């Protein structure tokens, strides 16, 4: 099955959502970007395409934070 991967990343302009080679406009906070990334991923899931959200942490490593196969929508917590 096809699967979407949404990445919440930080660059010099702020937090952005990246998916399929496209980047969003910058967000002021990681929490805002995460919330919208999960919303987009949830829409994909409702349209038959599983999705997940991976967030860049302070140590520059990426960690999975939301997966349409196992996590509720909306997510209960926003990663710090």
PDB file of N, CA and C in Angstrom:
ATOM      1  N   UNK A   1       0.836  -1.186   0.000  1.00  0.00           N
ATOM      2  CA  UNK A   1       0.000   0.000   0.000  1.00  0.00           C
ATOM      3  C   UNK A   1       0.877   1.245   0.000  1.00  0.00           C
ATOM      4  N   UNK A   2       0.440   2.238  -0.721  1.00  0.00           N
ATOM      5  CA  UNK A   2       1.141   3.508  -0.764  1.00  0.00           C
ATOM      6  C   UNK A   2       1.036   4.193   0.599  1.00  0.00           C
ATOM      7  N   UNK A   3       2.075   4.906   0.975  1.00  0.00           N
ATOM      8  CA  UNK A   3       2.117   5.530   2.301  1.00  0.00           C
ATOM      9  C   UNK A   3       2.721   6.929   2.195  1.00  0.00           C
ATOM     10  N   UNK A   4       2.126   7.878   2.897  1.00  0.00           N
ATOM     11  CA  UNK A   4       2.649   9.247   2.959  1.00  0.00           C
ATOM     12  C   UNK A   4       3.514   9.399   4.197  1.00  0.00           C
ATOM     13  N   UNK A   5       4.582  10.159   4.043  1.00  0.00           N
ATOM     14  CA  UNK A   5       5.465  10.479   5.166  1.00  0.00           C
ATOM     15  C   UNK A   5       5.549  11.998   5.263  1.00  0.00           C
ATOM     16  N   UNK A   6       5.092  12.526   6.375  1.00  0.00           N
ATOM     17  CA  UNK A   6       5.163  13.964   6.637  1.00  0.00           C
ATOM     18  C   UNK A   6       6.277  14.212   7.648  1.00  0.00           C
ATOM     19  N   UNK A   7       7.180  15.130   7.305  1.00  0.00           N
ATOM     20  CA  UNK A   7       8.307  15.457   8.168  1.00  0.00           C
ATOM     21  C   UNK A   7       8.141  16.878   8.688  1.00  0.00           C
ATOM     22  N   UNK A   8       8.268  17.047  10.000  1.00  0.00           N
ATOM     23  CA  UNK A   8       8.267  18.366  10.620  1.00  0.00           C
ATOM     24  C   UNK A   8       9.737  18.696  10.879  1.00  0.00           C
ATOM     25  N   UNK A   9      10.238  19.690  10.153  1.00  0.00           N
ATOM     26  CA  UNK A   9      11.665  20.006  10.196  1.00  0.00           C
ATOM     27  C   UNK A   9      11.881  21.487  10.501  1.00  0.00           C
ATOM     28  N   UNK A  10      13.057  21.768  11.053  1.00  0.00           N
ATOM     29  CA  UNK A  10      13.421  23.154  11.347  1.00  0.00           C
ATOM     30  C   UNK A  10      14.508  23.595  10.392  1.00  0.00           C
ATOM     31  N   UNK A  11      14.324  24.779   9.809  1.00  0.00           N
ATOM     32  CA  UNK A  11      15.415  25.411   9.073  1.00  0.00           C
ATOM     33  C   UNK A  11      15.460  26.876   9.475  1.00  0.00           C
ATOM     34  N   UNK A  12      16.275  27.642   8.860  1.00  0.00           N
ATOM     35  CA  UNK A  12      16.498  29.035   9.296  1.00  0.00           C
ATOM     36  C   UNK A  12      15.238  29.899   9.276  1.00  0.00           C
ATOM     37  N   UNK A  13      14.218  29.501   8.514  1.00  0.00           N
ATOM     38  CA  UNK A  13      12.977  30.279   8.433  1.00  0.00           C
ATOM     39  C   UNK A  13      11.953  29.883   9.489  1.00  0.00           C
ATOM     40  N   UNK A  14      12.148  28.732  10.136  1.00  0.00           N
ATOM     41  CA  UNK A  14      11.193  28.245  11.130  1.00  0.00           C
ATOM     42  C   UNK A  14      10.851  26.795  10.869  1.00  0.00           C
ATOM     43  N   UNK A  15       9.789  26.330  11.508  1.00  0.00           N
ATOM     44  CA  UNK A  15       9.337  24.943  11.361  1.00  0.00           C
ATOM     45  C   UNK A  15       8.525  24.793  10.092  1.00  0.00           C
ATOM     46  N   UNK A  16       8.767  23.705   9.354  1.00  0.00           N
ATOM     47  CA  UNK A  16       8.055  23.445   8.106  1.00  0.00           C
ATOM     48  C   UNK A  16       7.608  21.992   8.053  1.00  0.00           C
ATOM     49  N   UNK A  17       6.615  21.752   7.211  1.00  0.00           N
ATOM     50  CA  UNK A  17       6.163  20.394   6.924  1.00  0.00           C
ATOM     51  C   UNK A  17       6.674  20.042   5.537  1.00  0.00           C
ATOM     52  N   UNK A  18       7.304  18.887   5.417  1.00  0.00           N
ATOM     53  CA  UNK A  18       7.779  18.413   4.119  1.00  0.00           C
ATOM     54  C   UNK A  18       7.122  17.077   3.800  1.00  0.00           C
ATOM     55  N   UNK A  19       6.665  16.952   2.557  1.00  0.00           N
ATOM     56  CA  UNK A  19       6.074  15.701   2.096  1.00  0.00           C
ATOM     57  C   UNK A  19       6.190  15.657   0.577  1.00  0.00           C
ATOM     58  N   UNK A  20       6.602  14.527   0.066  1.00  0.00           N
ATOM     59  CA  UNK A  20       6.689  14.315  -1.391  1.00  0.00           C
ATOM     60  C   UNK A  20       7.467  15.425  -2.097  1.00  0.00           C
ATOM     61  N   UNK A  21       8.559  15.866  -1.493  1.00  0.00           N
ATOM     62  CA  UNK A  21       9.414  16.872  -2.114  1.00  0.00           C
ATOM     63  C   UNK A  21       8.916  18.303  -2.010  1.00  0.00           C
ATOM     64  N   UNK A  22       7.803  18.505  -1.336  1.00  0.00           N
ATOM     65  CA  UNK A  22       7.232  19.851  -1.171  1.00  0.00           C
ATOM     66  C   UNK A  22       7.415  20.306   0.271  1.00  0.00           C
ATOM     67  N   UNK A  23       7.574  21.631   0.453  1.00  0.00           N
ATOM     68  CA  UNK A  23       7.688  22.219   1.795  1.00  0.00           C
ATOM     69  C   UNK A  23       6.594  23.249   2.013  1.00  0.00           C
ATOM     70  N   UNK A  24       6.088  23.289   3.229  1.00  0.00           N
ATOM     71  CA  UNK A  24       5.071  24.286   3.589  1.00  0.00           C
ATOM     72  C   UNK A  24       5.736  25.630   3.836  1.00  0.00           C
ATOM     73  N   UNK A  25       4.900  26.612   4.031  1.00  0.00           N
ATOM     74  CA  UNK A  25       5.370  27.903   4.537  1.00  0.00           C
ATOM     75  C   UNK A  25       5.827  27.671   5.978  1.00  0.00           C
ATOM     76  N   UNK A  26       6.702  28.541   6.508  1.00  0.00           N
ATOM     77  CA  UNK A  26       7.174  28.328   7.880  1.00  0.00           C
ATOM     78  C   UNK A  26       6.088  28.556   8.931  1.00  0.00           C
ATOM     79  N   UNK A  27       6.204  27.794  10.006  1.00  0.00           N
ATOM     80  CA  UNK A  27       5.335  27.931  11.184  1.00  0.00           C
ATOM     81  C   UNK A  27       6.159  28.550  12.301  1.00  0.00           C
ATOM     82  N   UNK A  28       5.479  29.210  13.229  1.00  0.00           N
ATOM     83  CA  UNK A  28       6.174  29.820  14.356  1.00  0.00           C
ATOM     84  C   UNK A  28       6.637  28.798  15.387  1.00  0.00           C
ATOM     85  N   UNK A  29       5.931  27.665  15.467  1.00  0.00           N
ATOM     86  CA  UNK A  29       6.305  26.678  16.476  1.00  0.00           C
ATOM     87  C   UNK A  29       6.242  25.268  15.910  1.00  0.00           C
ATOM     88  N   UNK A  30       6.983  24.391  16.564  1.00  0.00           N
ATOM     89  CA  UNK A  30       6.952  22.979  16.193  1.00  0.00           C
ATOM     90  C   UNK A  30       5.559  22.410  16.421  1.00  0.00           C
ATOM     91  N   UNK A  31       4.905  22.810  17.501  1.00  0.00           N
ATOM     92  CA  UNK A  31       3.574  22.315  17.821  1.00  0.00           C
ATOM     93  C   UNK A  31       2.554  22.632  16.741  1.00  0.00           C
ATOM     94  N   UNK A  32       2.586  23.860  16.207  1.00  0.00           N
ATOM     95  CA  UNK A  32       1.662  24.233  15.132  1.00  0.00           C
ATOM     96  C   UNK A  32       1.918  23.401  13.880  1.00  0.00           C
ATOM     97  N   UNK A  33       3.188  23.227  13.535  1.00  0.00           N
ATOM     98  CA  UNK A  33       3.537  22.434  12.347  1.00  0.00           C
ATOM     99  C   UNK A  33       3.115  20.981  12.542  1.00  0.00           C
ATOM    100  N   UNK A  34       3.344  20.435  13.725  1.00  0.00           N
ATOM    101  CA  UNK A  34       2.970  19.055  14.006  1.00  0.00           C
ATOM    102  C   UNK A  34       1.462  18.872  13.883  1.00  0.00           C
ATOM    103  N   UNK A  35       0.705  19.778  14.461  1.00  0.00           N
ATOM    104  CA  UNK A  35      -0.756  19.679  14.428  1.00  0.00           C
ATOM    105  C   UNK A  35      -1.255  19.658  12.979  1.00  0.00           C
ATOM    106  N   UNK A  36      -0.740  20.536  12.145  1.00  0.00           N
ATOM    107  CA  UNK A  36      -1.164  20.569  10.747  1.00  0.00           C
ATOM    108  C   UNK A  36      -0.671  19.351   9.972  1.00  0.00           C
ATOM    109  N   UNK A  37       0.539  18.877  10.285  1.00  0.00           N
ATOM    110  CA  UNK A  37       1.057  17.676   9.614  1.00  0.00           C
ATOM    111  C   UNK A  37       0.174  16.476   9.921  1.00  0.00           C
ATOM    112  N   UNK A  38      -0.250  16.336  11.173  1.00  0.00           N
ATOM    113  CA  UNK A  38      -1.137  15.225  11.533  1.00  0.00           C
ATOM    114  C   UNK A  38      -2.479  15.382  10.824  1.00  0.00           C
ATOM    115  N   UNK A  39      -2.977  16.600  10.723  1.00  0.00           N
ATOM    116  CA  UNK A  39      -4.230  16.831  10.004  1.00  0.00           C
ATOM    117  C   UNK A  39      -4.128  16.406   8.544  1.00  0.00           C
ATOM    118  N   UNK A  40      -3.008  16.742   7.900  1.00  0.00           N
ATOM    119  CA  UNK A  40      -2.799  16.339   6.507  1.00  0.00           C
ATOM    120  C   UNK A  40      -2.655  14.823   6.383  1.00  0.00           C
ATOM    121  N   UNK A  41      -1.918  14.244   7.297  1.00  0.00           N
ATOM    122  CA  UNK A  41      -1.732  12.787   7.288  1.00  0.00           C
ATOM    123  C   UNK A  41      -3.064  12.078   7.507  1.00  0.00           C
ATOM    124  N   UNK A  42      -3.885  12.620   8.397  1.00  0.00           N
ATOM    125  CA  UNK A  42      -5.196  12.031   8.669  1.00  0.00           C
ATOM    126  C   UNK A  42      -6.078  12.087   7.416  1.00  0.00           C
ATOM    127  N   UNK A  43      -6.024  13.181   6.671  1.00  0.00           N
ATOM    128  CA  UNK A  43      -6.784  13.272   5.421  1.00  0.00           C
ATOM    129  C   UNK A  43      -6.330  12.206   4.427  1.00  0.00           C
ATOM    130  N   UNK A  44      -5.023  12.015   4.320  1.00  0.00           N
ATOM    131  CA  UNK A  44      -4.514  10.951   3.443  1.00  0.00           C
ATOM    132  C   UNK A  44      -5.080   9.605   3.868  1.00  0.00           C
ATOM    133  N   UNK A  45      -5.040   9.330   5.165  1.00  0.00           N
ATOM    134  CA  UNK A  45      -5.527   8.062   5.680  1.00  0.00           C
ATOM    135  C   UNK A  45      -7.013   7.877   5.351  1.00  0.00           C
ATOM    136  N   UNK A  46      -7.794   8.907   5.512  1.00  0.00           N
ATOM    137  CA  UNK A  46      -9.238   8.818   5.199  1.00  0.00           C
ATOM    138  C   UNK A  46      -9.480   8.574   3.722  1.00  0.00           C
ATOM    139  N   UNK A  47      -8.514   8.967   2.880  1.00  0.00           N
ATOM    140  CA  UNK A  47      -8.622   8.749   1.438  1.00  0.00           C
ATOM    141  C   UNK A  47      -7.925   7.465   0.989  1.00  0.00           C
ATOM    142  N   UNK A  48      -7.592   6.590   1.951  1.00  0.00           N
ATOM    143  CA  UNK A  48      -7.046   5.279   1.610  1.00  0.00           C
ATOM    144  C   UNK A  48      -5.544   5.176   1.517  1.00  0.00           C
ATOM    145  N   UNK A  49      -4.831   6.204   1.946  1.00  0.00           N
ATOM    146  CA  UNK A  49      -3.362   6.177   1.909  1.00  0.00           C
ATOM    147  C   UNK A  49      -2.839   6.311   3.333  1.00  0.00           C
ATOM    148  N   UNK A  50      -2.265   5.236   3.878  1.00  0.00           N
ATOM    149  CA  UNK A  50      -1.708   5.313   5.224  1.00  0.00           C
ATOM    150  C   UNK A  50      -0.669   6.429   5.284  1.00  0.00           C
ATOM    151  N   UNK A  51      -0.487   6.981   6.488  1.00  0.00           N
ATOM    152  CA  UNK A  51       0.417   8.119   6.631  1.00  0.00           C
ATOM    153  C   UNK A  51       1.039   8.131   8.019  1.00  0.00           C
ATOM    154  N   UNK A  52       2.186   8.805   8.104  1.00  0.00           N
ATOM    155  CA  UNK A  52       2.823   9.012   9.396  1.00  0.00           C
ATOM    156  C   UNK A  52       3.455  10.388   9.436  1.00  0.00           C
ATOM    157  N   UNK A  53       3.761  10.818  10.662  1.00  0.00           N
ATOM    158  CA  UNK A  53       4.412  12.110  10.881  1.00  0.00           C
ATOM    159  C   UNK A  53       5.683  11.856  11.679  1.00  0.00           C
ATOM    160  N   UNK A  54       6.793  12.378  11.166  1.00  0.00           N
ATOM    161  CA  UNK A  54       8.107  12.238  11.782  1.00  0.00           C
ATOM    162  C   UNK A  54       8.596  13.645  12.124  1.00  0.00           C
ATOM    163  N   UNK A  55       9.089  13.824  13.357  1.00  0.00           N
ATOM    164  CA  UNK A  55       9.467  15.154  13.836  1.00  0.00           C
ATOM    165  C   UNK A  55      10.959  15.222  14.123  1.00  0.00           C
ATOM    166  N   UNK A  56      11.587  16.319  13.691  1.00  0.00           N
ATOM    167  CA  UNK A  56      12.998  16.572  13.988  1.00  0.00           C
ATOM    168  C   UNK A  56      13.098  17.081  15.425  1.00  0.00           C
ATOM    169  N   UNK A  57      13.978  16.465  16.207  1.00  0.00           N
ATOM    170  CA  UNK A  57      14.148  16.832  17.618  1.00  0.00           C
ATOM    171  C   UNK A  57      15.353  17.755  17.793  1.00  0.00           C
ATOM    172  N   UNK A  58      15.542  18.210  19.016  1.00  0.00           N
ATOM    173  CA  UNK A  58      16.645  19.127  19.312  1.00  0.00           C
ATOM    174  C   UNK A  58      18.000  18.561  18.938  1.00  0.00           C
ATOM    175  N   UNK A  59      18.167  17.242  19.042  1.00  0.00           N
ATOM    176  CA  UNK A  59      19.449  16.614  18.714  1.00  0.00           C
ATOM    177  C   UNK A  59      19.602  16.363  17.215  1.00  0.00           C
ATOM    178  N   UNK A  60      18.687  16.937  16.401  1.00  0.00           N
ATOM    179  CA  UNK A  60      18.679  16.825  14.936  1.00  0.00           C
ATOM    180  C   UNK A  60      18.248  15.456  14.430  1.00  0.00           C
ATOM    181  N   UNK A  61      17.955  14.533  15.341  1.00  0.00           N
ATOM    182  CA  UNK A  61      17.468  13.211  14.948  1.00  0.00           C
ATOM    183  C   UNK A  61      15.971  13.298  14.660  1.00  0.00           C
ATOM    184  N   UNK A  62      15.487  12.398  13.831  1.00  0.00           N
ATOM    185  CA  UNK A  62      14.071  12.356  13.496  1.00  0.00           C
ATOM    186  C   UNK A  62      13.421  11.197  14.235  1.00  0.00           C
ATOM    187  N   UNK A  63      12.258  11.473  14.808  1.00  0.00           N
ATOM    188  CA  UNK A  63      11.540  10.448  15.562  1.00  0.00           C
ATOM    189  C   UNK A  63      10.088  10.391  15.099  1.00  0.00           C
ATOM    190  N   UNK A  64       9.561   9.177  14.917  1.00  0.00           N
ATOM    191  CA  UNK A  64       8.149   9.059  14.560  1.00  0.00           C
ATOM    192  C   UNK A  64       7.269   9.521  15.715  1.00  0.00           C
ATOM    193  N   UNK A  65       6.257  10.332  15.412  1.00  0.00           N
ATOM    194  CA  UNK A  65       5.383  10.868  16.457  1.00  0.00           C
ATOM    195  C   UNK A  65       3.916  10.510  16.254  1.00  0.00           C
ATOM    196  N   UNK A  66       3.515  10.200  15.024  1.00  0.00           N
ATOM    197  CA  UNK A  66       2.117   9.857  14.775  1.00  0.00           C
ATOM    198  C   UNK A  66       2.053   8.917  13.582  1.00  0.00           C
ATOM    199  N   UNK A  67       1.232   7.868  13.710  1.00  0.00           N
ATOM    200  CA  UNK A  67       1.086   6.870  12.645  1.00  0.00           C
ATOM    201  C   UNK A  67      -0.397   6.545  12.500  1.00  0.00           C
ATOM    202  N   UNK A  68      -0.914   6.630  11.291  1.00  0.00           N
ATOM    203  CA  UNK A  68      -2.343   6.413  11.064  1.00  0.00           C
ATOM    204  C   UNK A  68      -2.791   4.999  11.406  1.00  0.00           C
ATOM    205  N   UNK A  69      -1.864   4.051  11.442  1.00  0.00           N
ATOM    206  CA  UNK A  69      -2.230   2.668  11.763  1.00  0.00           C
ATOM    207  C   UNK A  69      -2.438   2.446  13.254  1.00  0.00           C
ATOM    208  N   UNK A  70      -1.852   3.284  14.096  1.00  0.00           N
ATOM    209  CA  UNK A  70      -1.914   3.000  15.534  1.00  0.00           C
ATOM    210  C   UNK A  70      -2.376   4.160  16.410  1.00  0.00           C
ATOM    211  N   UNK A  71      -2.311   5.377  15.922  1.00  0.00           N
ATOM    212  CA  UNK A  71      -2.578   6.535  16.775  1.00  0.00           C
ATOM    213  C   UNK A  71      -3.948   7.140  16.503  1.00  0.00           C
ATOM    214  N   UNK A  72      -4.525   7.711  17.557  1.00  0.00           N
ATOM    215  CA  UNK A  72      -5.835   8.337  17.432  1.00  0.00           C
ATOM    216  C   UNK A  72      -5.711   9.700  16.746  1.00  0.00           C
ATOM    217  N   UNK A  73      -6.840  10.167  16.272  1.00  0.00           N
ATOM    218  CA  UNK A  73      -6.902  11.507  15.704  1.00  0.00           C
ATOM    219  C   UNK A  73      -8.040  12.242  16.384  1.00  0.00           C
ATOM    220  N   UNK A  74      -7.851  13.460  16.822  1.00  0.00           N
ATOM    221  CA  UNK A  74      -6.584  14.186  16.820  1.00  0.00           C
ATOM    222  C   UNK A  74      -5.621  13.613  17.855  1.00  0.00           C
ATOM    223  N   UNK A  75      -4.330  13.881  17.673  1.00  0.00           N
ATOM    224  CA  UNK A  75      -3.365  13.353  18.634  1.00  0.00           C
ATOM    225  C   UNK A  75      -3.559  13.983  20.006  1.00  0.00           C
ATOM    226  N   UNK A  76      -3.369  13.219  21.067  1.00  0.00           N
ATOM    227  CA  UNK A  76      -3.595  13.776  22.402  1.00  0.00           C
ATOM    228  C   UNK A  76      -2.553  14.788  22.845  1.00  0.00           C
ATOM    229  N   UNK A  77      -1.323  14.654  22.387  1.00  0.00           N
ATOM    230  CA  UNK A  77      -0.245  15.538  22.822  1.00  0.00           C
ATOM    231  C   UNK A  77       0.562  16.032  21.638  1.00  0.00           C
ATOM    232  N   UNK A  78       1.074  17.234  21.768  1.00  0.00           N
ATOM    233  CA  UNK A  78       1.965  17.803  20.756  1.00  0.00           C
ATOM    234  C   UNK A  78       3.381  17.671  21.277  1.00  0.00           C
ATOM    235  N   UNK A  79       4.318  17.111  20.499  1.00  0.00           N
ATOM    236  CA  UNK A  79       5.702  16.965  21.000  1.00  0.00           C
ATOM    237  C   UNK A  79       6.333  18.313  21.260  1.00  0.00           C
ATOM    238  N   UNK A  80       7.135  18.376  22.280  1.00  0.00           N
ATOM    239  CA  UNK A  80       7.842  19.618  22.630  1.00  0.00           C
ATOM    240  C   UNK A  80       9.151  19.721  21.903  1.00  0.00           C
TER     241      UNK A  80
END
